[in-house]
C-alpha atoms as a PDB file:
ATOM      1  CA  UNK A   1      85.935  99.583  79.390  1.00  0.00           C
ATOM      2  CA  UNK A   2      84.410 101.054  82.753  1.00  0.00           C
ATOM      3  CA  UNK A   3      84.968  98.882  85.863  1.00  0.00           C
ATOM      4  CA  UNK A   4      81.691  97.333  86.523  1.00  0.00           C
ATOM      5  CA  UNK A   5      82.385  95.190  89.473  1.00  0.00           C
ATOM      6  CA  UNK A   6      83.181  91.468  89.827  1.00  0.00           C
ATOM      7  CA  UNK A   7      80.729  88.666  89.371  1.00  0.00           C
ATOM      8  CA  UNK A   8      80.076  85.804  91.517  1.00  0.00           C
ATOM      9  CA  UNK A   9      81.377  83.341  88.925  1.00  0.00           C
ATOM     10  CA  UNK A  10      84.811  84.942  89.537  1.00  0.00           C
ATOM     11  CA  UNK A  11      84.297  83.607  93.458  1.00  0.00           C
ATOM     12  CA  UNK A  12      82.577  80.404  92.237  1.00  0.00           C
ATOM     13  CA  UNK A  13      85.795  79.901  89.842  1.00  0.00           C
ATOM     14  CA  UNK A  14      88.250  80.028  92.568  1.00  0.00           C
ATOM     15  CA  UNK A  15      85.486  77.775  95.091  1.00  0.00           C
ATOM     16  CA  UNK A  16      86.238  75.040  92.356  1.00  0.00           C
ATOM     17  CA  UNK A  17      89.907  75.815  91.409  1.00  0.00           C
ATOM     18  CA  UNK A  18      90.591  74.977  95.115  1.00  0.00           C
ATOM     19  CA  UNK A  19      89.016  71.859  94.967  1.00  0.00           C
ATOM     20  CA  UNK A  20      90.278  70.732  91.557  1.00  0.00           C
ATOM     21  CA  UNK A  21      93.753  72.397  91.175  1.00  0.00           C
ATOM     22  CA  UNK A  22      94.893  70.702  87.720  1.00  0.00           C
ATOM     23  CA  UNK A  23      95.424  71.895  84.018  1.00  0.00           C
ATOM     24  CA  UNK A  24      92.576  70.015  82.828  1.00  0.00           C
ATOM     25  CA  UNK A  25      90.124  72.299  85.386  1.00  0.00           C
ATOM     26  CA  UNK A  26      92.294  75.307  84.149  1.00  0.00           C
ATOM     27  CA  UNK A  27      91.603  74.553  80.468  1.00  0.00           C
ATOM     28  CA  UNK A  28      87.876  74.104  80.881  1.00  0.00           C
ATOM     29  CA  UNK A  29      87.598  77.190  82.887  1.00  0.00           C
ATOM     30  CA  UNK A  30      90.341  79.519  81.388  1.00  0.00           C
ATOM     31  CA  UNK A  31      87.183  81.279  79.578  1.00  0.00           C
ATOM     32  CA  UNK A  32      85.643  81.782  82.779  1.00  0.00           C
ATOM     33  CA  UNK A  33      88.892  83.344  84.731  1.00  0.00           C
ATOM     34  CA  UNK A  34      89.540  85.126  81.787  1.00  0.00           C
ATOM     35  CA  UNK A  35      86.028  87.055  81.452  1.00  0.00           C
ATOM     36  CA  UNK A  36      85.049  87.115  85.287  1.00  0.00           C
ATOM     37  CA  UNK A  37      88.076  87.687  87.103  1.00  0.00           C
ATOM     38  CA  UNK A  38      91.119  88.872  84.267  1.00  0.00           C
ATOM     39  CA  UNK A  39      88.720  91.525  82.778  1.00  0.00           C
ATOM     40  CA  UNK A  40      87.291  93.237  85.462  1.00  0.00           C
ATOM     41  CA  UNK A  41      90.599  93.262  87.143  1.00  0.00           C
ATOM     42  CA  UNK A  42      92.324  94.762  84.112  1.00  0.00           C
ATOM     43  CA  UNK A  43      89.485  97.572  84.395  1.00  0.00           C
ATOM     44  CA  UNK A  44      89.684  98.137  87.983  1.00  0.00           C
ATOM     45  CA  UNK A  45      93.481  97.960  88.103  1.00  0.00           C
ATOM     46  CA  UNK A  46      93.826 100.344  85.158  1.00  0.00           C
ATOM     47  CA  UNK A  47      91.043 102.893  87.016  1.00  0.00           C
ATOM     48  CA  UNK A  48      93.716 103.548  89.484  1.00  0.00           C
ATOM     49  CA  UNK A  49      96.708 103.623  88.006  1.00  0.00           C
ATOM     50  CA  UNK A  50      96.133 107.767  87.445  1.00  0.00           C
ATOM     51  CA  UNK A  51      96.756 108.115  91.215  1.00  0.00           C
ATOM     52  CA  UNK A  52      98.583 105.553  92.389  1.00  0.00           C
ATOM     53  CA  UNK A  53     100.716 104.336  89.388  1.00  0.00           C
ATOM     54  CA  UNK A  54     101.385 101.559  87.434  1.00  0.00           C
ATOM     55  CA  UNK A  55      99.736  98.482  88.257  1.00  0.00           C
ATOM     56  CA  UNK A  56     100.791  94.608  88.348  1.00  0.00           C
ATOM     57  CA  UNK A  57      98.451  92.620  88.083  1.00  0.00           C
ATOM     58  CA  UNK A  58     100.239  88.940  89.096  1.00  0.00           C
ATOM     59  CA  UNK A  59      99.790  85.699  86.638  1.00  0.00           C
ATOM     60  CA  UNK A  60      97.896  82.716  87.789  1.00  0.00           C
ATOM     61  CA  UNK A  61     100.255  80.197  87.128  1.00  0.00           C
ATOM     62  CA  UNK A  62     102.440  79.156  90.377  1.00  0.00           C
ATOM     63  CA  UNK A  63     106.686  78.725  90.398  1.00  0.00           C
ATOM     64  CA  UNK A  64     106.720  75.096  91.291  1.00  0.00           C
ATOM     65  CA  UNK A  65     110.514  74.740  90.284  1.00  0.00           C
ATOM     66  CA  UNK A  66     111.607  74.149  93.939  1.00  0.00           C
ATOM     67  CA  UNK A  67     108.047  73.945  95.858  1.00  0.00           C
ATOM     68  CA  UNK A  68     106.810  70.741  97.683  1.00  0.00           C
ATOM     69  CA  UNK A  69     103.114  71.731  96.382  1.00  0.00           C
ATOM     70  CA  UNK A  70     102.959  71.347  92.799  1.00  0.00           C
ATOM     71  CA  UNK A  71      99.608  72.189  91.928  1.00  0.00           C
ATOM     72  CA  UNK A  72      99.794  74.530  89.088  1.00  0.00           C
ATOM     73  CA  UNK A  73      97.821  77.868  89.782  1.00  0.00           C
ATOM     74  CA  UNK A  74      97.880  80.161  92.238  1.00  0.00           C
ATOM     75  CA  UNK A  75      94.057  80.199  94.248  1.00  0.00           C
ATOM     76  CA  UNK A  76      93.484  83.957  94.220  1.00  0.00           C
ATOM     77  CA  UNK A  77      94.277  86.801  91.507  1.00  0.00           C
ATOM     78  CA  UNK A  78      96.464  89.244  93.572  1.00  0.00           C
ATOM     79  CA  UNK A  79      97.452  93.342  91.763  1.00  0.00           C
ATOM     80  CA  UNK A  80     100.414  95.353  93.039  1.00  0.00           C
ATOM     81  CA  UNK A  81     101.346  98.897  92.970  1.00  0.00           C
ATOM     82  CA  UNK A  82     105.010  99.396  93.633  1.00  0.00           C
ATOM     83  CA  UNK A  83     105.788 102.317  95.453  1.00  0.00           C
ATOM     84  CA  UNK A  84     109.292 101.226  96.463  1.00  0.00           C
ATOM     85  CA  UNK A  85     111.196  97.790  97.115  1.00  0.00           C
ATOM     86  CA  UNK A  86     108.772  95.499  97.683  1.00  0.00           C
ATOM     87  CA  UNK A  87     106.583  98.478  99.374  1.00  0.00           C
ATOM     88  CA  UNK A  88     103.176  99.482  98.127  1.00  0.00           C
ATOM     89  CA  UNK A  89      99.186  98.731  97.960  1.00  0.00           C
ATOM     90  CA  UNK A  90      97.995  95.523  97.118  1.00  0.00           C
ATOM     91  CA  UNK A  91      94.741  94.128  96.328  1.00  0.00           C
ATOM     92  CA  UNK A  92      93.172  90.343  96.116  1.00  0.00           C
ATOM     93  CA  UNK A  93      90.348  88.650  94.815  1.00  0.00           C
ATOM     94  CA  UNK A  94      90.252  84.785  96.314  1.00  0.00           C
ATOM     95  CA  UNK A  95      87.510  82.227  97.130  1.00  0.00           C
ATOM     96  CA  UNK A  96      87.327  83.832 100.568  1.00  0.00           C
ATOM     97  CA  UNK A  97      86.272  87.178  99.319  1.00  0.00           C
ATOM     98  CA  UNK A  98      88.322  90.145  98.888  1.00  0.00           C
ATOM     99  CA  UNK A  99      90.914  92.122 100.656  1.00  0.00           C
ATOM    100  CA  UNK A 100      92.938  95.343 100.158  1.00  0.00           C
ATOM    101  CA  UNK A 101      96.251  96.263 101.995  1.00  0.00           C
ATOM    102  CA  UNK A 102      99.492  97.978 101.863  1.00  0.00           C
ATOM    103  CA  UNK A 103     102.874  98.038 103.626  1.00  0.00           C
ATOM    104  CA  UNK A 104     106.421  95.973 102.558  1.00  0.00           C
ATOM    105  CA  UNK A 105     106.376  92.221 101.769  1.00  0.00           C
ATOM    106  CA  UNK A 106     110.200  91.938 101.615  1.00  0.00           C
ATOM    107  CA  UNK A 107     113.345  93.394 102.757  1.00  0.00           C
ATOM    108  CA  UNK A 108     116.691  92.572 101.894  1.00  0.00           C
ATOM    109  CA  UNK A 109     118.961  92.685 104.858  1.00  0.00           C
ATOM    110  CA  UNK A 110     120.522  96.290 104.424  1.00  0.00           C
ATOM    111  CA  UNK A 111     116.589  97.467 103.737  1.00  0.00           C
ATOM    112  CA  UNK A 112     115.162  95.858 106.878  1.00  0.00           C
ATOM    113  CA  UNK A 113     118.521  97.387 109.095  1.00  0.00           C
ATOM    114  CA  UNK A 114     117.790 100.344 107.599  1.00  0.00           C
ATOM    115  CA  UNK A 115     113.833 100.353 108.543  1.00  0.00           C
ATOM    116  CA  UNK A 116     114.722  99.006 112.394  1.00  0.00           C
ATOM    117  CA  UNK A 117     117.348 102.106 112.273  1.00  0.00           C
ATOM    118  CA  UNK A 118     114.534 104.850 110.859  1.00  0.00           C
ATOM    119  CA  UNK A 119     112.212 102.995 113.569  1.00  0.00           C
ATOM    120  CA  UNK A 120     114.599 103.434 116.370  1.00  0.00           C
ATOM    121  CA  UNK A 121     115.015 107.230 115.265  1.00  0.00           C
ATOM    122  CA  UNK A 122     112.645 110.081 116.480  1.00  0.00           C
ATOM    123  CA  UNK A 123     111.278 109.141 112.833  1.00  0.00           C
ATOM    124  CA  UNK A 124     109.798 105.932 114.542  1.00  0.00           C
ATOM    125  CA  UNK A 125     107.059 107.855 116.878  1.00  0.00           C
ATOM    126  CA  UNK A 126     105.372 109.084 113.200  1.00  0.00           C
ATOM    127  CA  UNK A 127     105.277 104.733 111.912  1.00  0.00           C
ATOM    128  CA  UNK A 128     103.787 103.924 115.696  1.00  0.00           C
ATOM    129  CA  UNK A 129     101.286 106.888 115.185  1.00  0.00           C
ATOM    130  CA  UNK A 130     100.398 105.194 111.848  1.00  0.00           C
ATOM    131  CA  UNK A 131      99.809 102.322 112.514  1.00  0.00           C
ATOM    132  CA  UNK A 132      98.088 102.761 115.962  1.00  0.00           C
ATOM    133  CA  UNK A 133      95.760 105.161 113.664  1.00  0.00           C
ATOM    134  CA  UNK A 134      95.248 102.435 111.098  1.00  0.00           C
ATOM    135  CA  UNK A 135      94.779  99.493 113.845  1.00  0.00           C
ATOM    136  CA  UNK A 136      91.961 101.881 115.214  1.00  0.00           C
ATOM    137  CA  UNK A 137      90.319 102.245 111.829  1.00  0.00           C
ATOM    138  CA  UNK A 138      89.656  98.560 111.742  1.00  0.00           C
ATOM    139  CA  UNK A 139      92.977  97.968 109.444  1.00  0.00           C
ATOM    140  CA  UNK A 140      94.760  94.368 110.614  1.00  0.00           C
ATOM    141  CA  UNK A 141      98.224  94.650 111.182  1.00  0.00           C
ATOM    142  CA  UNK A 142     100.472  92.044 110.147  1.00  0.00           C
ATOM    143  CA  UNK A 143     103.543  90.990 108.923  1.00  0.00           C
ATOM    144  CA  UNK A 144     106.291  88.103 109.497  1.00  0.00           C
ATOM    145  CA  UNK A 145     108.279  89.166 112.771  1.00  0.00           C
ATOM    146  CA  UNK A 146     110.805  87.745 115.196  1.00  0.00           C
ATOM    147  CA  UNK A 147     109.650  86.544 118.767  1.00  0.00           C
ATOM    148  CA  UNK A 148     113.592  87.554 120.027  1.00  0.00           C
ATOM    149  CA  UNK A 149     114.707  91.143 120.272  1.00  0.00           C
ATOM    150  CA  UNK A 150     116.603  92.115 117.159  1.00  0.00           C
ATOM    151  CA  UNK A 151     120.405  92.370 117.475  1.00  0.00           C
ATOM    152  CA  UNK A 152     121.665  96.088 118.697  1.00  0.00           C
ATOM    153  CA  UNK A 153     118.242  96.774 120.163  1.00  0.00           C
ATOM    154  CA  UNK A 154     116.640  96.377 123.814  1.00  0.00           C
ATOM    155  CA  UNK A 155     114.082  94.296 125.059  1.00  0.00           C
ATOM    156  CA  UNK A 156     112.398  97.464 126.795  1.00  0.00           C
ATOM    157  CA  UNK A 157     112.421  99.726 123.633  1.00  0.00           C
ATOM    158  CA  UNK A 158     109.267 101.570 123.376  1.00  0.00           C
ATOM    159  CA  UNK A 159     108.798 100.236 119.509  1.00  0.00           C
ATOM    160  CA  UNK A 160     109.944  97.157 120.506  1.00  0.00           C
ATOM    161  CA  UNK A 161     107.283  95.316 118.825  1.00  0.00           C
ATOM    162  CA  UNK A 162     107.836  97.564 115.467  1.00  0.00           C
ATOM    163  CA  UNK A 163     111.514  96.474 115.979  1.00  0.00           C
ATOM    164  CA  UNK A 164     110.536  92.777 115.468  1.00  0.00           C
ATOM    165  CA  UNK A 165     108.697  93.075 112.234  1.00  0.00           C
ATOM    166  CA  UNK A 166     110.595  91.399 109.143  1.00  0.00           C
ATOM    167  CA  UNK A 167     107.568  92.864 106.935  1.00  0.00           C
ATOM    168  CA  UNK A 168     104.589  94.662 107.769  1.00  0.00           C
ATOM    169  CA  UNK A 169     101.423  95.442 106.461  1.00  0.00           C
ATOM    170  CA  UNK A 170      97.936  96.671 107.158  1.00  0.00           C
ATOM    171  CA  UNK A 171      95.300  94.734 105.040  1.00  0.00           C
ATOM    172  CA  UNK A 172      91.167  94.981 105.167  1.00  0.00           C
ATOM    173  CA  UNK A 173      88.961  92.149 104.187  1.00  0.00           C
ATOM    174  CA  UNK A 174      85.730  93.119 101.972  1.00  0.00           C
ATOM    175  CA  UNK A 175      84.764  89.333 102.245  1.00  0.00           C
ATOM    176  CA  UNK A 176      81.610  89.156 100.066  1.00  0.00           C
ATOM    177  CA  UNK A 177      80.138  92.768 100.708  1.00  0.00           C
ATOM    178  CA  UNK A 178      77.607  93.459  98.404  1.00  0.00           C
ATOM    179  CA  UNK A 179      79.732  96.266  96.698  1.00  0.00           C
ATOM    180  CA  UNK A 180      82.175  93.526  95.178  1.00  0.00           C
ATOM    181  CA  UNK A 181      79.982  93.257  92.062  1.00  0.00           C
ATOM    182  CA  UNK A 182      79.306  96.954  91.670  1.00  0.00           C
ATOM    183  CA  UNK A 183      81.036  99.654  90.351  1.00  0.00           C
ATOM    184  CA  UNK A 184      81.199 101.573  93.721  1.00  0.00           C
ATOM    185  CA  UNK A 185      83.419  99.326  94.659  1.00  0.00           C
ATOM    186  CA  UNK A 186      86.565 101.188  92.839  1.00  0.00           C
ATOM    187  CA  UNK A 187      86.107 104.253  94.896  1.00  0.00           C
ATOM    188  CA  UNK A 188      85.953 101.763  97.853  1.00  0.00           C
ATOM    189  CA  UNK A 189      89.352 101.069  97.336  1.00  0.00           C
ATOM    190  CA  UNK A 190      90.218 104.310  96.038  1.00  0.00           C
ATOM    191  CA  UNK A 191      89.444 105.677  99.905  1.00  0.00           C
ATOM    192  CA  UNK A 192      91.067 102.689 101.360  1.00  0.00           C
ATOM    193  CA  UNK A 193      94.461 103.058  99.290  1.00  0.00           C
ATOM    194  CA  UNK A 194      94.391 106.879 100.359  1.00  0.00           C
ATOM    195  CA  UNK A 195      94.153 105.575 104.214  1.00  0.00           C
ATOM    196  CA  UNK A 196      97.020 103.381 104.313  1.00  0.00           C
ATOM    197  CA  UNK A 197      99.362 105.984 102.124  1.00  0.00           C
ATOM    198  CA  UNK A 198     101.309 107.226 105.133  1.00  0.00           C
ATOM    199  CA  UNK A 199     102.213 103.618 106.073  1.00  0.00           C
ATOM    200  CA  UNK A 200     103.811 103.573 102.257  1.00  0.00           C
ATOM    201  CA  UNK A 201     104.811 106.999 102.639  1.00  0.00           C
ATOM    202  CA  UNK A 202     106.716 106.251 105.827  1.00  0.00           C
ATOM    203  CA  UNK A 203     108.125 103.268 104.725  1.00  0.00           C
ATOM    204  CA  UNK A 204     109.399 104.742 101.451  1.00  0.00           C
ATOM    205  CA  UNK A 205     110.563 107.986 103.111  1.00  0.00           C
ATOM    206  CA  UNK A 206     112.608 107.775 106.310  1.00  0.00           C
ATOM    207  CA  UNK A 207     114.351 104.434 105.816  1.00  0.00           C
ATOM    208  CA  UNK A 208     115.873 105.586 102.484  1.00  0.00           C
ATOM    209  CA  UNK A 209     117.009 108.877 104.988  1.00  0.00           C
ATOM    210  CA  UNK A 210     118.924 106.853 107.362  1.00  0.00           C
END
């Protein structure tokens, strides 16, 4: 089927789930999730796959085995295209609206070391330009970062802010823009994912060269 947008019922569903995150609520409203959230998300991601690759639709269930918070369901629906280890493009629907982004959300010690070496090298200037350009275009640059100086680097390093990052993400919120419930949402996401592709490309190319 062709993607036609997300109905308001999708956001209402997550509004209510935040209030009553229980199996009783889920079972009573599972049809709403299937029709208003899951089905249009599958249609949307299927349309993106030809350009960006296979999309993983995250499961709605939380892993609560080791969590203090035992609520059973995620209060958002996310989807991710992996271009490298924990690196790629992302989109999410939640009670707070719709958002997109790209970057890396996790890194092993070895991979983080390689990313930092690539930032330290001349190739890091290219990443700096990409991040600056995205920021100027209205993207929010975020991620977990250490407050101290990473071991082996100088506090006066010209790219110290990037070196501090343990994860790095460029995101943009659509909130409840009127395009959300229209087919045009597909082209907007495609345009924005293309805009952040230079960040993804850098993250999967230059650290691998170090």
